[in-house]
Amino acid sequence: MSPNPLPEARIAVIEDRLDRSERKRDQTEEKLDKISEQLTEIKRDLKWQRIIFWGMATFYAGVFLWFVLVHIPDKFNDKVPSDLKEQLTKLQMNVSSVQDQLKKLTPGSLNQLIPEPDSTANMSTITSNLRKAGRVIDVALTNGIPAEPRLLPPLRIRVMDILNRHSSNPKVVEAALSTAVRLDGYETMSQRTLAGLQPGTEAPTDTFKPSGYSYLMGFGMNCTNPGAHFLGISPPFNPEDMVVFRVQVHTCAQEMDGPNWIQDSFDGSTIEYNGGPLHLADVKFTNCNFKFGSDPKSVRALAAIKASNGAPISLLLE
């Protein structure tokens, strides 16, 4: 075994170790100082980046607000006339005027076509003009153009006067009946349309309840159950308040009392009538069964329908 080292040698070794530890500590402190300086620099850089970011955001926000609050209104004011309000008021008045003219347009045309009681026109001209009047009403019904309702009853009175004065002329009678029913239907359609109701233009899946419509128009109705009624009418709804225009009914049942039937067709259907108001304008019945009452109106209506042999027929029984 070697002898123990002298105390002086041991102290020298310890001092050497201490010196090395101090040098390492100094090196570590230098590294820490550099890291601290780098962190400070990074913080300083981040601060400037935040300042730049918010500065740019503020700049663009300012540009946007200027564009919305200043530029656009200025451009809008450059384009919009100073009397815009006055022009809009005039436009509304013009629209109202056009609507009023439309309400009077059809009655005005009808007034020219339907002759006055003291007219000296020949039978051919009267018949032709009455049929033209019927076509005018058909156009109005097709396009949903109402008339001023109060203007129509005087025309209807004139048509009935023609009917009474020329009751011996079948062509005039047929044309007058057709036009009278159309006038009744057009008056009803106008009243209900001007009240805000819309036409029914799609076939129902079940019995049609017409009280919520101005009139029914332009669709085909097929009943899978031949006993089902196409048009279901019950109180408090008045059947005379309904217009059925250009509807094709197949294999249904239907009570004819009340509604204004205009250019409709019934095929393979059961037609029921019991002496109530009957308004037919150019209505066709093909391969139908008839369940009519025995009262004079029913007998008269059934005889006229059968005599038509499937051709369009016009009837007015009140």
Protein backbone atom coordinates (compact mmCIF):
# COMPACT_ATOMS: atom_id res chain seq x y z
CA MET A 1 0.00 0.00 0.00
CA SER A 2 1.30 3.51 -0.91
CA PRO A 3 1.73 5.97 1.83
CA ASN A 4 -0.90 8.74 2.24
CA PRO A 5 -0.12 11.95 0.26
CA LEU A 6 1.09 14.96 2.12
CA PRO A 7 -1.45 17.55 3.20
CA GLU A 8 0.11 20.20 0.95
CA ALA A 9 -0.34 18.00 -2.12
CA ARG A 10 -3.96 17.33 -1.27
CA ILE A 11 -4.63 21.02 -0.84
CA ALA A 12 -3.06 21.72 -4.23
CA VAL A 13 -5.33 19.18 -5.90
CA ILE A 14 -8.43 20.71 -4.25
CA GLU A 15 -7.39 24.22 -5.27
CA ASP A 16 -6.89 23.05 -8.83
CA ARG A 17 -10.38 21.58 -8.85
CA LEU A 18 -11.80 24.79 -7.43
CA ASP A 19 -10.07 26.81 -10.14
CA ARG A 20 -11.55 24.63 -12.83
CA SER A 21 -15.03 24.91 -11.24
CA GLU A 22 -14.74 28.68 -11.17
CA ARG A 23 -13.74 28.75 -14.82
CA LYS A 24 -16.74 26.57 -15.72
CA ARG A 25 -19.00 28.81 -13.64
CA ASP A 26 -17.66 31.89 -15.43
CA GLN A 27 -18.25 30.22 -18.80
CA THR A 28 -21.77 29.28 -17.73
CA GLU A 29 -22.51 32.84 -16.61
CA GLU A 30 -21.26 34.15 -19.94
CA LYS A 31 -23.60 31.74 -21.78
CA LEU A 32 -26.50 32.76 -19.54
CA ASP A 33 -25.78 36.43 -20.20
CA LYS A 34 -25.81 35.78 -23.96
CA ILE A 35 -29.08 33.83 -23.67
CA SER A 36 -30.59 36.68 -21.64
CA GLU A 37 -29.49 39.20 -24.27
CA GLN A 38 -31.01 37.03 -27.01
CA LEU A 39 -34.30 36.73 -25.10
CA THR A 40 -34.41 40.48 -24.61
CA GLU A 41 -33.78 41.00 -28.31
CA ILE A 42 -36.52 38.49 -29.21
CA LYS A 43 -38.98 40.26 -26.91
CA ARG A 44 -38.05 43.57 -28.51
CA ASP A 45 -38.60 42.09 -31.98
CA LEU A 46 -41.95 40.61 -30.98
CA LYS A 47 -43.07 43.95 -29.56
CA TRP A 48 -42.34 45.67 -32.87
CA GLN A 49 -44.12 42.93 -34.76
CA ARG A 50 -47.21 43.40 -32.59
CA ILE A 51 -47.02 47.13 -33.14
CA ILE A 52 -46.69 46.63 -36.89
CA PHE A 53 -49.60 44.11 -36.92
CA TRP A 54 -51.98 46.35 -35.03
CA GLY A 55 -50.86 49.32 -37.04
CA MET A 56 -51.66 47.55 -40.29
CA ALA A 57 -54.99 46.28 -38.90
CA THR A 58 -55.89 49.80 -37.82
CA PHE A 59 -54.90 51.15 -41.22
CA TYR A 60 -57.03 48.67 -43.18
CA ALA A 61 -59.95 49.11 -40.79
CA GLY A 62 -59.74 52.84 -41.35
CA VAL A 63 -59.68 52.37 -45.13
CA PHE A 64 -62.73 50.06 -44.93
CA LEU A 65 -64.70 52.48 -42.78
CA TRP A 66 -63.84 55.35 -45.10
CA PHE A 67 -64.97 53.29 -48.08
CA VAL A 68 -68.27 52.37 -46.45
CA LEU A 69 -69.09 55.62 -44.69
CA VAL A 70 -67.69 58.19 -47.10
CA HIS A 71 -66.81 56.87 -50.53
CA ILE A 72 -69.91 54.76 -51.22
CA PRO A 73 -72.42 57.38 -49.99
CA ASP A 74 -70.66 60.02 -52.08
CA LYS A 75 -70.84 57.84 -55.18
CA PHE A 76 -74.45 56.92 -54.37
CA ASN A 77 -75.36 60.58 -54.04
CA ASP A 78 -73.63 61.27 -57.35
CA LYS A 79 -75.79 58.64 -59.08
CA VAL A 80 -79.17 59.12 -57.30
CA PRO A 81 -81.21 62.12 -58.39
CA SER A 82 -81.97 64.64 -55.73
CA ASP A 83 -85.68 64.25 -56.45
CA LEU A 84 -85.68 60.47 -55.93
CA LYS A 85 -88.52 60.60 -53.42
CA GLU A 86 -90.62 62.62 -55.81
CA GLN A 87 -89.89 60.22 -58.66
CA LEU A 88 -90.80 57.20 -56.51
CA THR A 89 -94.07 58.88 -55.57
CA LYS A 90 -94.82 59.50 -59.24
CA LEU A 91 -93.94 55.87 -60.04
CA GLN A 92 -96.36 54.61 -57.40
CA MET A 93 -99.05 56.89 -58.83
CA ASN A 94 -98.34 55.57 -62.33
CA VAL A 95 -98.57 51.96 -61.12
CA SER A 96 -101.89 52.71 -59.44
CA SER A 97 -103.06 54.41 -62.63
CA VAL A 98 -102.08 51.37 -64.71
CA GLN A 99 -103.92 49.08 -62.29
CA ASP A 100 -107.02 51.27 -62.54
CA GLN A 101 -106.75 51.22 -66.32
CA LEU A 102 -106.50 47.42 -66.33
CA LYS A 103 -109.62 47.22 -64.17
CA LYS A 104 -111.45 49.35 -66.71
CA LEU A 105 -109.84 47.96 -69.86
CA THR A 106 -111.87 44.76 -70.17
CA PRO A 107 -115.23 46.40 -69.34
CA GLY A 108 -114.34 49.09 -71.87
CA SER A 109 -113.71 46.49 -74.55
CA LEU A 110 -116.89 44.63 -73.64
CA ASN A 111 -118.86 47.86 -73.77
CA GLN A 112 -117.78 48.32 -77.38
CA LEU A 113 -118.64 44.74 -78.33
CA ILE A 114 -122.00 44.29 -76.60
CA PRO A 115 -124.58 46.29 -78.53
CA GLU A 116 -126.93 48.79 -76.94
CA PRO A 117 -130.64 47.90 -76.74
CA ASP A 118 -131.45 50.28 -79.62
CA SER A 119 -128.71 48.89 -81.86
CA THR A 120 -129.64 48.24 -85.48
CA ALA A 121 -126.86 45.71 -86.04
CA ASN A 122 -127.82 42.53 -87.88
CA MET A 123 -127.99 39.10 -86.23
CA SER A 124 -124.68 37.96 -87.66
CA THR A 125 -122.84 41.00 -86.26
CA ILE A 126 -124.51 40.68 -82.85
CA THR A 127 -123.59 37.00 -82.65
CA SER A 128 -119.99 37.67 -83.72
CA ASN A 129 -119.56 40.53 -81.24
CA LEU A 130 -121.01 38.51 -78.37
CA ARG A 131 -118.55 35.70 -79.07
CA LYS A 132 -115.71 38.21 -79.23
CA ALA A 133 -116.83 39.55 -75.86
CA GLY A 134 -116.69 35.99 -74.51
CA ARG A 135 -113.12 35.62 -75.77
CA VAL A 136 -112.15 38.91 -74.10
CA ILE A 137 -113.42 37.55 -70.79
CA ASP A 138 -111.55 34.27 -71.36
CA VAL A 139 -108.31 36.22 -71.81
CA ALA A 140 -108.96 38.12 -68.59
CA LEU A 141 -109.64 34.87 -66.70
CA THR A 142 -106.59 33.17 -68.19
CA ASN A 143 -104.29 36.01 -67.15
CA GLY A 144 -105.95 36.80 -63.82
CA ILE A 145 -106.88 40.38 -64.79
CA PRO A 146 -109.78 41.56 -62.61
CA ALA A 147 -112.20 44.27 -63.61
CA GLU A 148 -113.92 46.93 -61.57
CA PRO A 149 -116.88 44.76 -60.43
CA ARG A 150 -119.44 47.59 -60.54
CA LEU A 151 -118.84 48.03 -64.30
CA LEU A 152 -119.96 44.48 -65.19
CA PRO A 153 -123.65 44.21 -64.11
CA PRO A 154 -124.80 46.88 -66.63
CA LEU A 155 -123.17 44.84 -69.40
CA ARG A 156 -124.89 41.71 -68.16
CA ILE A 157 -128.27 43.49 -68.24
CA ARG A 158 -127.56 44.51 -71.84
CA VAL A 159 -126.79 40.90 -72.81
CA MET A 160 -130.03 39.68 -71.23
CA ASP A 161 -131.91 42.35 -73.17
CA ILE A 162 -130.36 41.01 -76.38
CA LEU A 163 -131.36 37.49 -75.34
CA ASN A 164 -134.98 38.51 -74.75
CA ARG A 165 -135.26 40.54 -77.97
CA HIS A 166 -133.77 37.81 -80.18
CA SER A 167 -135.02 34.67 -78.42
CA SER A 168 -136.12 33.20 -81.74
CA ASN A 169 -132.59 33.19 -83.14
CA PRO A 170 -130.71 30.09 -81.85
CA LYS A 171 -127.25 31.46 -82.68
CA VAL A 172 -127.84 34.75 -80.89
CA VAL A 173 -129.38 32.91 -77.92
CA GLU A 174 -126.41 30.56 -77.66
CA ALA A 175 -123.91 33.43 -77.86
CA ALA A 176 -125.87 35.56 -75.37
CA LEU A 177 -126.18 32.72 -72.83
CA SER A 178 -122.47 31.97 -73.11
CA THR A 179 -121.55 35.65 -72.62
CA ALA A 180 -123.99 36.16 -69.74
CA VAL A 181 -122.51 33.21 -67.80
CA ARG A 182 -119.01 34.51 -68.48
CA LEU A 183 -119.95 37.96 -67.19
CA ASP A 184 -121.32 36.39 -63.99
CA GLY A 185 -118.14 34.39 -63.56
CA TYR A 186 -115.91 37.34 -64.35
CA GLU A 187 -117.67 39.53 -61.80
CA THR A 188 -117.22 36.83 -59.14
CA MET A 189 -113.56 36.30 -60.09
CA SER A 190 -112.90 40.06 -59.96
CA GLN A 191 -114.47 40.48 -56.53
CA ARG A 192 -112.52 37.59 -55.04
CA THR A 193 -109.25 38.45 -56.77
CA LEU A 194 -109.40 42.06 -55.61
CA ALA A 195 -110.03 40.70 -52.11
CA GLY A 196 -106.61 39.01 -52.28
CA LEU A 197 -107.55 35.43 -53.19
CA GLN A 198 -105.46 33.48 -55.71
CA PRO A 199 -106.68 31.06 -58.42
CA GLY A 200 -106.45 27.32 -57.91
CA THR A 201 -104.43 25.90 -60.78
CA GLU A 202 -103.52 22.39 -59.54
CA ALA A 203 -105.66 19.30 -59.29
CA PRO A 204 -106.51 18.32 -55.70
CA THR A 205 -105.76 14.89 -54.29
CA ASP A 206 -109.21 14.77 -52.74
CA THR A 207 -112.52 16.58 -53.04
CA PHE A 208 -111.78 20.22 -53.85
CA LYS A 209 -112.77 22.77 -51.19
CA PRO A 210 -112.91 25.97 -53.22
CA SER A 211 -113.65 28.57 -50.53
CA GLY A 212 -110.01 29.76 -50.33
CA TYR A 213 -109.61 30.49 -54.06
CA SER A 214 -110.69 33.25 -56.40
CA TYR A 215 -111.48 30.67 -59.11
CA LEU A 216 -110.29 27.29 -60.42
CA MET A 217 -108.50 27.18 -63.74
CA GLY A 218 -106.65 25.02 -66.22
CA PHE A 219 -106.09 21.55 -64.79
CA GLY A 220 -107.34 17.99 -65.20
CA MET A 221 -109.06 16.08 -62.41
CA ASN A 222 -109.22 12.27 -62.28
CA CYS A 223 -111.17 10.53 -59.53
CA THR A 224 -110.08 6.99 -58.65
CA ASN A 225 -113.43 6.60 -56.91
CA PRO A 226 -116.16 7.29 -59.50
CA GLY A 227 -118.54 8.29 -56.71
CA ALA A 228 -116.22 11.01 -55.40
CA HIS A 229 -117.30 14.57 -56.08
CA PHE A 230 -114.73 16.74 -57.81
CA LEU A 231 -115.97 19.98 -56.27
CA GLY A 232 -117.20 19.79 -52.69
CA ILE A 233 -119.40 22.71 -51.69
CA SER A 234 -121.09 23.08 -48.36
CA PRO A 235 -122.45 25.97 -46.25
CA PRO A 236 -121.56 28.67 -45.39
CA PHE A 237 -119.83 28.81 -48.78
CA ASN A 238 -122.17 29.90 -51.56
CA PRO A 239 -121.64 27.76 -54.68
CA GLU A 240 -122.51 30.77 -56.85
CA ASP A 241 -119.30 32.39 -55.56
CA MET A 242 -117.22 29.83 -57.48
CA VAL A 243 -115.89 29.94 -61.05
CA VAL A 244 -114.53 26.80 -62.72
CA PHE A 245 -112.69 27.70 -65.92
CA ARG A 246 -111.16 25.26 -68.42
CA VAL A 247 -111.05 22.26 -66.08
CA GLN A 248 -111.21 18.71 -67.47
CA VAL A 249 -113.03 16.32 -65.14
CA HIS A 250 -112.70 12.55 -65.64
CA THR A 251 -114.65 9.77 -63.89
CA CYS A 252 -115.88 11.96 -61.04
CA ALA A 253 -119.30 12.81 -59.68
CA GLN A 254 -120.41 16.42 -59.59
CA GLU A 255 -123.38 18.52 -58.54
CA MET A 256 -123.81 21.24 -61.13
CA ASP A 257 -126.00 23.59 -59.10
CA GLY A 258 -124.40 26.94 -58.37
CA PRO A 259 -120.91 27.47 -59.79
CA ASN A 260 -120.16 29.25 -63.05
CA TRP A 261 -118.86 26.51 -65.36
CA ILE A 262 -116.91 28.02 -68.27
CA GLN A 263 -115.27 25.93 -71.03
CA ASP A 264 -115.10 22.85 -68.82
CA SER A 265 -115.45 19.22 -69.90
CA PHE A 266 -116.83 16.16 -68.11
CA ASP A 267 -115.89 12.70 -69.36
CA GLY A 268 -117.21 9.42 -67.94
CA SER A 269 -118.59 11.28 -64.95
CA THR A 270 -121.84 11.25 -62.98
CA ILE A 271 -123.60 14.58 -63.39
CA GLU A 272 -126.10 15.59 -60.72
CA TYR A 273 -128.61 18.44 -60.88
CA ASN A 274 -131.70 19.22 -58.84
CA GLY A 275 -133.18 22.45 -60.14
CA GLY A 276 -130.85 25.04 -58.57
CA PRO A 277 -129.05 27.85 -60.41
CA LEU A 278 -127.30 26.39 -63.44
CA HIS A 279 -124.58 28.41 -65.24
CA LEU A 280 -122.92 26.68 -68.20
CA ALA A 281 -120.79 28.42 -70.83
CA ASP A 282 -119.49 26.10 -73.56
CA VAL A 283 -119.35 23.01 -71.33
CA LYS A 284 -118.95 19.52 -72.81
CA PHE A 285 -120.38 16.23 -71.47
CA THR A 286 -119.01 12.98 -72.91
CA ASN A 287 -120.04 9.46 -71.86
CA CYS A 288 -121.63 10.77 -68.67
CA ASN A 289 -124.40 9.43 -66.44
CA PHE A 290 -127.04 11.96 -65.44
CA LYS A 291 -128.86 12.02 -62.12
CA PHE A 292 -131.31 14.88 -62.58
CA GLY A 293 -134.42 15.73 -60.63
CA SER A 294 -137.94 15.68 -62.00
CA ASP A 295 -138.58 19.43 -61.63
CA PRO A 296 -139.05 21.55 -64.79
CA LYS A 297 -135.54 23.04 -64.67
CA SER A 298 -133.92 19.62 -64.38
CA VAL A 299 -136.02 18.21 -67.20
CA ARG A 300 -135.17 21.19 -69.41
CA ALA A 301 -131.45 21.03 -68.61
CA LEU A 302 -131.21 17.28 -69.24
CA ALA A 303 -133.01 17.58 -72.57
CA ALA A 304 -130.67 20.37 -73.72
CA ILE A 305 -127.53 18.48 -72.67
CA LYS A 306 -128.59 15.28 -74.41
CA ALA A 307 -129.54 17.23 -77.54
CA SER A 308 -126.01 18.67 -77.71
CA ASN A 309 -124.58 15.18 -78.44
CA GLY A 310 -121.25 16.02 -76.76
CA ALA A 311 -120.87 19.47 -78.31
CA PRO A 312 -120.23 22.45 -75.99
CA ILE A 313 -123.45 23.75 -74.49
CA SER A 314 -124.43 27.00 -72.77
CA LEU A 315 -127.31 27.17 -70.29
CA LEU A 316 -128.51 29.78 -67.83
CA LEU A 317 -131.21 28.69 -65.39
CA GLU A 318 -131.69 31.00 -62.39
